[in-house]
Amino acid sequence: KTFAKMNPPLRTDWDREKIIEGLKDNTIEI
């Protein structure tokens, strides 16, 4: 419930996998 409310919000599994992909290829460094 509200303990998972945040900005920006938790999104879909596709978004989560894209973030992991970005971490792996250093698109996301931090």
Full PDB file with SEQRES, HELIX, SHEET, SSBOND, CRYST1, ORIGX, SCALE, CONECT and MASTER records, all heavy atoms in Angstrom:
SEQRES   1 A   30  LYS THR PHE ALA LYS MET ASN PRO PRO LEU ARG THR ASP          
SEQRES   2 A   30  TRP ASP ARG GLU LYS ILE ILE GLU GLY LEU LYS ASP ASN          
SEQRES   3 A   30  THR ILE GLU ILE                                              
HELIX    1 AA1 THR A    2  ALA A    4  5                                   3    
HELIX    2 AA2 ASP A   13  LYS A   24  1                                  12    
CRYST1    1.000    1.000    1.000  90.00  90.00  90.00 P 1           1          
ORIGX1      1.000000  0.000000  0.000000        0.00000                         
ORIGX2      0.000000  1.000000  0.000000        0.00000                         
ORIGX3      0.000000  0.000000  1.000000        0.00000                         
SCALE1      1.000000  0.000000  0.000000        0.00000                         
SCALE2      0.000000  1.000000  0.000000        0.00000                         
SCALE3      0.000000  0.000000  1.000000        0.00000                         
ATOM      1  N   LYS A   1       0.832  -1.206   0.000  1.00  0.00           N  
ATOM      2  CA  LYS A   1       0.000   0.000   0.000  1.00  0.00           C  
ATOM      3  C   LYS A   1       0.873   1.266   0.000  1.00  0.00           C  
ATOM      4  O   LYS A   1       1.730   1.423  -0.843  1.00  0.00           O  
ATOM      5  CB  LYS A   1      -0.949  -0.013   1.200  1.00  0.00           C  
ATOM      6  CG  LYS A   1      -1.791  -1.279   1.302  1.00  0.00           C  
ATOM      7  CD  LYS A   1      -2.728  -1.431   0.142  1.00  0.00           C  
ATOM      8  CE  LYS A   1      -3.748  -2.540   0.321  1.00  0.00           C  
ATOM      9  NZ  LYS A   1      -3.160  -3.902   0.366  1.00  0.00           N  
ATOM     10  N   THR A   2       0.621   2.157   0.951  1.00  0.00           N  
ATOM     11  CA  THR A   2       1.306   3.452   0.943  1.00  0.00           C  
ATOM     12  C   THR A   2       2.807   3.336   1.214  1.00  0.00           C  
ATOM     13  O   THR A   2       3.566   4.245   0.888  1.00  0.00           O  
ATOM     14  CB  THR A   2       0.696   4.379   2.016  1.00  0.00           C  
ATOM     15  OG1 THR A   2       0.720   3.711   3.284  1.00  0.00           O  
ATOM     16  CG2 THR A   2      -0.741   4.713   1.663  1.00  0.00           C  
ATOM     17  N   PHE A   3       3.254   2.215   1.799  1.00  0.00           N  
ATOM     18  CA  PHE A   3       4.684   2.036   2.027  1.00  0.00           C  
ATOM     19  C   PHE A   3       5.424   1.722   0.726  1.00  0.00           C  
ATOM     20  O   PHE A   3       6.655   1.615   0.729  1.00  0.00           O  
ATOM     21  CB  PHE A   3       4.931   0.945   3.074  1.00  0.00           C  
ATOM     22  CG  PHE A   3       4.854   1.469   4.487  1.00  0.00           C  
ATOM     23  CD1 PHE A   3       3.792   2.261   4.894  1.00  0.00           C  
ATOM     24  CD2 PHE A   3       5.853   1.193   5.403  1.00  0.00           C  
ATOM     25  CE1 PHE A   3       3.712   2.764   6.185  1.00  0.00           C  
ATOM     26  CE2 PHE A   3       5.796   1.688   6.695  1.00  0.00           C  
ATOM     27  CZ  PHE A   3       4.722   2.478   7.094  1.00  0.00           C  
ATOM     28  N   ALA A   4       4.675   1.568  -0.364  1.00  0.00           N  
ATOM     29  CA  ALA A   4       5.279   1.419  -1.693  1.00  0.00           C  
ATOM     30  C   ALA A   4       4.908   2.598  -2.587  1.00  0.00           C  
ATOM     31  O   ALA A   4       5.016   2.518  -3.813  1.00  0.00           O  
ATOM     32  CB  ALA A   4       4.844   0.110  -2.339  1.00  0.00           C  
ATOM     33  N   LYS A   5       4.496   3.688  -1.969  1.00  0.00           N  
ATOM     34  CA  LYS A   5       4.167   4.906  -2.719  1.00  0.00           C  
ATOM     35  C   LYS A   5       5.396   5.795  -2.788  1.00  0.00           C  
ATOM     36  O   LYS A   5       5.987   6.143  -1.751  1.00  0.00           O  
ATOM     37  CB  LYS A   5       3.025   5.660  -2.038  1.00  0.00           C  
ATOM     38  CG  LYS A   5       2.644   6.953  -2.763  1.00  0.00           C  
ATOM     39  CD  LYS A   5       1.527   7.704  -2.048  1.00  0.00           C  
ATOM     40  CE  LYS A   5       1.188   8.981  -2.813  1.00  0.00           C  
ATOM     41  NZ  LYS A   5       0.112   9.765  -2.146  1.00  0.00           N  
ATOM     42  N   MET A   6       5.784   6.184  -3.989  1.00  0.00           N  
ATOM     43  CA  MET A   6       6.976   7.016  -4.166  1.00  0.00           C  
ATOM     44  C   MET A   6       6.900   7.752  -5.491  1.00  0.00           C  
ATOM     45  O   MET A   6       6.151   7.379  -6.393  1.00  0.00           O  
ATOM     46  CB  MET A   6       8.238   6.145  -4.129  1.00  0.00           C  
ATOM     47  CG  MET A   6       8.277   5.060  -5.184  1.00  0.00           C  
ATOM     48  SD  MET A   6       9.309   3.658  -4.734  1.00  0.00           S  
ATOM     49  CE  MET A   6       8.449   2.948  -3.346  1.00  0.00           C  
ATOM     50  N   ASN A   7       7.684   8.820  -5.596  1.00  0.00           N  
ATOM     51  CA  ASN A   7       7.783   9.591  -6.842  1.00  0.00           C  
ATOM     52  C   ASN A   7       9.222   9.540  -7.348  1.00  0.00           C  
ATOM     53  O   ASN A   7      10.125   9.907  -6.604  1.00  0.00           O  
ATOM     54  CB  ASN A   7       7.427  11.067  -6.607  1.00  0.00           C  
ATOM     55  CG  ASN A   7       6.012  11.269  -6.159  1.00  0.00           C  
ATOM     56  OD1 ASN A   7       5.145  10.440  -6.381  1.00  0.00           O  
ATOM     57  ND2 ASN A   7       5.765  12.385  -5.494  1.00  0.00           N  
ATOM     58  N   PRO A   8       9.466   9.138  -8.593  1.00  0.00           N  
ATOM     59  CA  PRO A   8       8.492   8.528  -9.495  1.00  0.00           C  
ATOM     60  C   PRO A   8       8.071   7.154  -8.976  1.00  0.00           C  
ATOM     61  O   PRO A   8       8.780   6.557  -8.156  1.00  0.00           O  
ATOM     62  CB  PRO A   8       9.253   8.428 -10.818  1.00  0.00           C  
ATOM     63  CG  PRO A   8      10.683   8.337 -10.407  1.00  0.00           C  
ATOM     64  CD  PRO A   8      10.821   9.194  -9.181  1.00  0.00           C  
ATOM     65  N   PRO A   9       6.951   6.643  -9.454  1.00  0.00           N  
ATOM     66  CA  PRO A   9       6.415   5.412  -8.869  1.00  0.00           C  
ATOM     67  C   PRO A   9       7.122   4.154  -9.353  1.00  0.00           C  
ATOM     68  O   PRO A   9       7.881   4.172 -10.334  1.00  0.00           O  
ATOM     69  CB  PRO A   9       4.961   5.427  -9.353  1.00  0.00           C  
ATOM     70  CG  PRO A   9       5.036   6.126 -10.676  1.00  0.00           C  
ATOM     71  CD  PRO A   9       6.078   7.199 -10.496  1.00  0.00           C  
ATOM     72  N   LEU A  10       6.871   3.074  -8.632  1.00  0.00           N  
ATOM     73  CA  LEU A  10       7.252   1.754  -9.133  1.00  0.00           C  
ATOM     74  C   LEU A  10       6.455   1.497 -10.395  1.00  0.00           C  
ATOM     75  O   LEU A  10       5.249   1.744 -10.455  1.00  0.00           O  
ATOM     76  CB  LEU A  10       6.944   0.683  -8.086  1.00  0.00           C  
ATOM     77  CG  LEU A  10       7.652   0.846  -6.741  1.00  0.00           C  
ATOM     78  CD1 LEU A  10       7.099  -0.163  -5.732  1.00  0.00           C  
ATOM     79  CD2 LEU A  10       9.153   0.691  -6.894  1.00  0.00           C  
ATOM     80  N   ARG A  11       7.129   0.980 -11.429  1.00  0.00           N  
ATOM     81  CA  ARG A  11       6.444   0.789 -12.708  1.00  0.00           C  
ATOM     82  C   ARG A  11       6.344  -0.692 -13.061  1.00  0.00           C  
ATOM     83  O   ARG A  11       6.225  -1.548 -12.169  1.00  0.00           O  
ATOM     84  CB  ARG A  11       7.151   1.608 -13.781  1.00  0.00           C  
ATOM     85  CG  ARG A  11       7.171   3.111 -13.464  1.00  0.00           C  
ATOM     86  CD  ARG A  11       7.374   3.955 -14.683  1.00  0.00           C  
ATOM     87  NE  ARG A  11       7.589   5.353 -14.360  1.00  0.00           N  
ATOM     88  CZ  ARG A  11       6.613   6.256 -14.166  1.00  0.00           C  
ATOM     89  NH1 ARG A  11       5.348   5.888 -14.262  1.00  0.00           N  
ATOM     90  NH2 ARG A  11       6.906   7.514 -13.883  1.00  0.00           N  
ATOM     91  N   THR A  12       6.388  -1.012 -14.315  1.00  0.00           N  
ATOM     92  CA  THR A  12       6.144  -2.379 -14.765  1.00  0.00           C  
ATOM     93  C   THR A  12       7.412  -3.211 -14.721  1.00  0.00           C  
ATOM     94  O   THR A  12       8.522  -2.686 -14.547  1.00  0.00           O  
ATOM     95  CB  THR A  12       5.609  -2.384 -16.202  1.00  0.00           C  
ATOM     96  OG1 THR A  12       6.661  -1.930 -17.081  1.00  0.00           O  
ATOM     97  CG2 THR A  12       4.397  -1.462 -16.354  1.00  0.00           C  
ATOM     98  N   ASP A  13       7.248  -4.510 -14.909  1.00  0.00           N  
ATOM     99  CA  ASP A  13       8.425  -5.377 -14.943  1.00  0.00           C  
ATOM    100  C   ASP A  13       9.300  -5.043 -16.146  1.00  0.00           C  
ATOM    101  O   ASP A  13      10.527  -5.177 -16.076  1.00  0.00           O  
ATOM    102  CB  ASP A  13       7.997  -6.849 -14.980  1.00  0.00           C  
ATOM    103  CG  ASP A  13       9.158  -7.794 -14.673  1.00  0.00           C  
ATOM    104  OD1 ASP A  13       9.791  -7.612 -13.613  1.00  0.00           O  
ATOM    105  OD2 ASP A  13       9.444  -8.675 -15.493  1.00  0.00           O  
ATOM    106  N   TRP A  14       8.688  -4.617 -17.235  1.00  0.00           N  
ATOM    107  CA  TRP A  14       9.466  -4.187 -18.404  1.00  0.00           C  
ATOM    108  C   TRP A  14      10.365  -3.009 -18.045  1.00  0.00           C  
ATOM    109  O   TRP A  14      11.548  -2.987 -18.414  1.00  0.00           O  
ATOM    110  CB  TRP A  14       8.538  -3.796 -19.554  1.00  0.00           C  
ATOM    111  CG  TRP A  14       9.275  -3.316 -20.774  1.00  0.00           C  
ATOM    112  CD1 TRP A  14       9.844  -4.075 -21.752  1.00  0.00           C  
ATOM    113  CD2 TRP A  14       9.536  -1.943 -21.139  1.00  0.00           C  
ATOM    114  NE1 TRP A  14      10.436  -3.271 -22.711  1.00  0.00           N  
ATOM    115  CE2 TRP A  14      10.268  -1.965 -22.356  1.00  0.00           C  
ATOM    116  CE3 TRP A  14       9.229  -0.716 -20.573  1.00  0.00           C  
ATOM    117  CZ2 TRP A  14      10.675  -0.807 -23.004  1.00  0.00           C  
ATOM    118  CZ3 TRP A  14       9.646   0.446 -21.203  1.00  0.00           C  
ATOM    119  CH2 TRP A  14      10.361   0.397 -22.405  1.00  0.00           C  
ATOM    120  N   ASP A  15       9.831  -2.034 -17.336  1.00  0.00           N  
ATOM    121  CA  ASP A  15      10.639  -0.889 -16.905  1.00  0.00           C  
ATOM    122  C   ASP A  15      11.765  -1.337 -15.987  1.00  0.00           C  
ATOM    123  O   ASP A  15      12.909  -0.877 -16.120  1.00  0.00           O  
ATOM    124  CB  ASP A  15       9.758   0.131 -16.183  1.00  0.00           C  
ATOM    125  CG  ASP A  15       8.752   0.797 -17.099  1.00  0.00           C  
ATOM    126  OD1 ASP A  15       9.181   1.508 -18.024  1.00  0.00           O  
ATOM    127  OD2 ASP A  15       7.548   0.611 -16.893  1.00  0.00           O  
ATOM    128  N   ARG A  16      11.446  -2.228 -15.047  1.00  0.00           N  
ATOM    129  CA  ARG A  16      12.469  -2.727 -14.116  1.00  0.00           C  
ATOM    130  C   ARG A  16      13.605  -3.409 -14.883  1.00  0.00           C  
ATOM    131  O   ARG A  16      14.787  -3.189 -14.603  1.00  0.00           O  
ATOM    132  CB  ARG A  16      11.830  -3.698 -13.121  1.00  0.00           C  
ATOM    133  CG  ARG A  16      12.785  -4.163 -12.010  1.00  0.00           C  
ATOM    134  CD  ARG A  16      12.125  -5.229 -11.139  1.00  0.00           C  
ATOM    135  NE  ARG A  16      11.904  -6.451 -11.902  1.00  0.00           N  
ATOM    136  CZ  ARG A  16      12.809  -7.404 -12.089  1.00  0.00           C  
ATOM    137  NH1 ARG A  16      14.021  -7.274 -11.583  1.00  0.00           N  
ATOM    138  NH2 ARG A  16      12.521  -8.480 -12.789  1.00  0.00           N  
ATOM    139  N   GLU A  17      13.251  -4.223 -15.867  1.00  0.00           N  
ATOM    140  CA  GLU A  17      14.276  -4.914 -16.652  1.00  0.00           C  
ATOM    141  C   GLU A  17      15.100  -3.936 -17.485  1.00  0.00           C  
ATOM    142  O   GLU A  17      16.310  -4.130 -17.665  1.00  0.00           O  
ATOM    143  CB  GLU A  17      13.613  -5.962 -17.549  1.00  0.00           C  
ATOM    144  CG  GLU A  17      13.054  -7.159 -16.777  1.00  0.00           C  
ATOM    145  CD  GLU A  17      12.351  -8.160 -17.672  1.00  0.00           C  
ATOM    146  OE1 GLU A  17      12.211  -7.880 -18.889  1.00  0.00           O  
ATOM    147  OE2 GLU A  17      11.934  -9.210 -17.154  1.00  0.00           O  
ATOM    148  N   LYS A  18      14.470  -2.889 -17.970  1.00  0.00           N  
ATOM    149  CA  LYS A  18      15.207  -1.872 -18.733  1.00  0.00           C  
ATOM    150  C   LYS A  18      16.199  -1.123 -17.830  1.00  0.00           C  
ATOM    151  O   LYS A  18      17.307  -0.772 -18.260  1.00  0.00           O  
ATOM    152  CB  LYS A  18      14.231  -0.885 -19.374  1.00  0.00           C  
ATOM    153  CG  LYS A  18      13.398  -1.475 -20.501  1.00  0.00           C  
ATOM    154  CD  LYS A  18      14.204  -1.655 -21.780  1.00  0.00           C  
ATOM    155  CE  LYS A  18      14.468  -0.335 -22.460  1.00  0.00           C  
ATOM    156  NZ  LYS A  18      15.124  -0.508 -23.791  1.00  0.00           N  
ATOM    157  N   ILE A  19      15.814  -0.890 -16.595  1.00  0.00           N  
ATOM    158  CA  ILE A  19      16.727  -0.245 -15.643  1.00  0.00           C  
ATOM    159  C   ILE A  19      17.925  -1.148 -15.381  1.00  0.00           C  
ATOM    160  O   ILE A  19      19.079  -0.696 -15.377  1.00  0.00           O  
ATOM    161  CB  ILE A  19      15.985   0.105 -14.340  1.00  0.00           C  
ATOM    162  CG1 ILE A  19      14.996   1.243 -14.599  1.00  0.00           C  
ATOM    163  CG2 ILE A  19      16.973   0.494 -13.237  1.00  0.00           C  
ATOM    164  CD1 ILE A  19      14.028   1.492 -13.474  1.00  0.00           C  
ATOM    165  N   ILE A  20      17.675  -2.431 -15.189  1.00  0.00           N  
ATOM    166  CA  ILE A  20      18.780  -3.372 -14.990  1.00  0.00           C  
ATOM    167  C   ILE A  20      19.674  -3.418 -16.230  1.00  0.00           C  
ATOM    168  O   ILE A  20      20.913  -3.440 -16.118  1.00  0.00           O  
ATOM    169  CB  ILE A  20      18.234  -4.773 -14.645  1.00  0.00           C  
ATOM    170  CG1 ILE A  20      17.587  -4.753 -13.247  1.00  0.00           C  
ATOM    171  CG2 ILE A  20      19.342  -5.826 -14.700  1.00  0.00           C  
ATOM    172  CD1 ILE A  20      16.871  -6.019 -12.876  1.00  0.00           C  
ATOM    173  N   GLU A  21      19.073  -3.397 -17.396  1.00  0.00           N  
ATOM    174  CA  GLU A  21      19.855  -3.351 -18.640  1.00  0.00           C  
ATOM    175  C   GLU A  21      20.733  -2.101 -18.668  1.00  0.00           C  
ATOM    176  O   GLU A  21      21.907  -2.149 -19.054  1.00  0.00           O  
ATOM    177  CB  GLU A  21      18.895  -3.346 -19.833  1.00  0.00           C  
ATOM    178  CG  GLU A  21      19.532  -3.235 -21.195  1.00  0.00           C  
ATOM    179  CD  GLU A  21      18.500  -3.082 -22.306  1.00  0.00           C  
ATOM    180  OE1 GLU A  21      17.669  -4.005 -22.460  1.00  0.00           O  
ATOM    181  OE2 GLU A  21      18.504  -2.038 -23.006  1.00  0.00           O  
ATOM    182  N   GLY A  22      20.166  -0.962 -18.229  1.00  0.00           N  
ATOM    183  CA  GLY A  22      20.932   0.281 -18.180  1.00  0.00           C  
ATOM    184  C   GLY A  22      22.063   0.237 -17.177  1.00  0.00           C  
ATOM    185  O   GLY A  22      23.131   0.813 -17.401  1.00  0.00           O  
ATOM    186  N   LEU A  23      21.846  -0.443 -16.065  1.00  0.00           N  
ATOM    187  CA  LEU A  23      22.921  -0.626 -15.085  1.00  0.00           C  
ATOM    188  C   LEU A  23      24.034  -1.502 -15.653  1.00  0.00           C  
ATOM    189  O   LEU A  23      25.221  -1.247 -15.434  1.00  0.00           O  
ATOM    190  CB  LEU A  23      22.355  -1.255 -13.815  1.00  0.00           C  
ATOM    191  CG  LEU A  23      21.505  -0.336 -12.926  1.00  0.00           C  
ATOM    192  CD1 LEU A  23      20.664  -1.152 -11.949  1.00  0.00           C  
ATOM    193  CD2 LEU A  23      22.388   0.650 -12.165  1.00  0.00           C  
ATOM    194  N   LYS A  24      23.657  -2.510 -16.391  1.00  0.00           N  
ATOM    195  CA  LYS A  24      24.646  -3.436 -16.943  1.00  0.00           C  
ATOM    196  C   LYS A  24      25.532  -2.779 -17.999  1.00  0.00           C  
ATOM    197  O   LYS A  24      26.732  -3.056 -18.059  1.00  0.00           O  
ATOM    198  CB  LYS A  24      23.935  -4.663 -17.539  1.00  0.00           C  
ATOM    199  CG  LYS A  24      23.305  -5.575 -16.500  1.00  0.00           C  
ATOM    200  CD  LYS A  24      22.422  -6.637 -17.120  1.00  0.00           C  
ATOM    201  CE  LYS A  24      23.217  -7.677 -17.884  1.00  0.00           C  
ATOM    202  NZ  LYS A  24      22.332  -8.793 -18.346  1.00  0.00           N  
ATOM    203  N   ASP A  25      24.956  -1.921 -18.837  1.00  0.00           N  
ATOM    204  CA  ASP A  25      25.764  -1.329 -19.909  1.00  0.00           C  
ATOM    205  C   ASP A  25      26.274   0.081 -19.572  1.00  0.00           C  
ATOM    206  O   ASP A  25      26.781   0.788 -20.431  1.00  0.00           O  
ATOM    207  CB  ASP A  25      25.000  -1.332 -21.236  1.00  0.00           C  
ATOM    208  CG  ASP A  25      23.831  -0.352 -21.292  1.00  0.00           C  
ATOM    209  OD1 ASP A  25      23.642   0.425 -20.332  1.00  0.00           O  
ATOM    210  OD2 ASP A  25      23.094  -0.375 -22.297  1.00  0.00           O  
ATOM    211  N   ASN A  26      26.112   0.471 -18.299  1.00  0.00           N  
ATOM    212  CA  ASN A  26      26.603   1.757 -17.788  1.00  0.00           C  
ATOM    213  C   ASN A  26      25.875   2.969 -18.338  1.00  0.00           C  
ATOM    214  O   ASN A  26      26.362   4.102 -18.211  1.00  0.00           O  
ATOM    215  CB  ASN A  26      28.114   1.909 -17.996  1.00  0.00           C  
ATOM    216  CG  ASN A  26      28.913   1.191 -16.931  1.00  0.00           C  
ATOM    217  OD1 ASN A  26      28.516   1.146 -15.769  1.00  0.00           O  
ATOM    218  ND2 ASN A  26      30.029   0.597 -17.327  1.00  0.00           N  
ATOM    219  N   THR A  27      24.707   2.756 -18.919  1.00  0.00           N  
ATOM    220  CA  THR A  27      23.840   3.903 -19.178  1.00  0.00           C  
ATOM    221  C   THR A  27      23.477   4.546 -17.841  1.00  0.00           C  
ATOM    222  O   THR A  27      23.427   5.767 -17.711  1.00  0.00           O  
ATOM    223  CB  THR A  27      22.567   3.462 -19.915  1.00  0.00           C  
ATOM    224  OG1 THR A  27      22.930   2.948 -21.194  1.00  0.00           O  
ATOM    225  CG2 THR A  27      21.601   4.626 -20.095  1.00  0.00           C  
ATOM    226  N   ILE A  28      23.240   3.715 -16.843  1.00  0.00           N  
ATOM    227  CA  ILE A  28      22.994   4.174 -15.474  1.00  0.00           C  
ATOM    228  C   ILE A  28      24.242   3.857 -14.668  1.00  0.00           C  
ATOM    229  O   ILE A  28      24.567   2.697 -14.446  1.00  0.00           O  
ATOM    230  CB  ILE A  28      21.763   3.481 -14.864  1.00  0.00           C  
ATOM    231  CG1 ILE A  28      20.529   3.713 -15.734  1.00  0.00           C  
ATOM    232  CG2 ILE A  28      21.523   3.963 -13.437  1.00  0.00           C  
ATOM    233  CD1 ILE A  28      19.311   2.904 -15.319  1.00  0.00           C  
ATOM    234  N   GLU A  29      24.963   4.899 -14.234  1.00  0.00           N  
ATOM    235  CA  GLU A  29      26.236   4.687 -13.539  1.00  0.00           C  
ATOM    236  C   GLU A  29      26.109   4.696 -12.033  1.00  0.00           C  
ATOM    237  O   GLU A  29      27.024   4.268 -11.340  1.00  0.00           O  
ATOM    238  CB  GLU A  29      27.246   5.798 -13.895  1.00  0.00           C  
ATOM    239  CG  GLU A  29      27.517   5.976 -15.363  1.00  0.00           C  
ATOM    240  CD  GLU A  29      26.788   7.179 -15.899  1.00  0.00           C  
ATOM    241  OE1 GLU A  29      25.645   7.406 -15.476  1.00  0.00           O  
ATOM    242  OE2 GLU A  29      27.367   7.888 -16.742  1.00  0.00           O  
ATOM    243  N   ILE A  30      24.988   5.211 -11.507  1.00  0.00           N  
ATOM    244  CA  ILE A  30      24.901   5.486 -10.077  1.00  0.00           C  
ATOM    245  C   ILE A  30      23.692   4.788  -9.453  1.00  0.00           C  
ATOM    246  O   ILE A  30      22.596   4.795 -10.024  1.00  0.00           O  
ATOM    247  CB  ILE A  30      24.808   7.007  -9.827  1.00  0.00           C  
ATOM    248  CG1 ILE A  30      26.106   7.695 -10.261  1.00  0.00           C  
ATOM    249  CG2 ILE A  30      24.497   7.310  -8.366  1.00  0.00           C  
ATOM    250  CD1 ILE A  30      26.054   9.209 -10.203  1.00  0.00           C  
TER     251      ILE A  30                                                      
MASTER        0    0    0    2    0    0    0    6  250    1    0    3          
END                                                                             
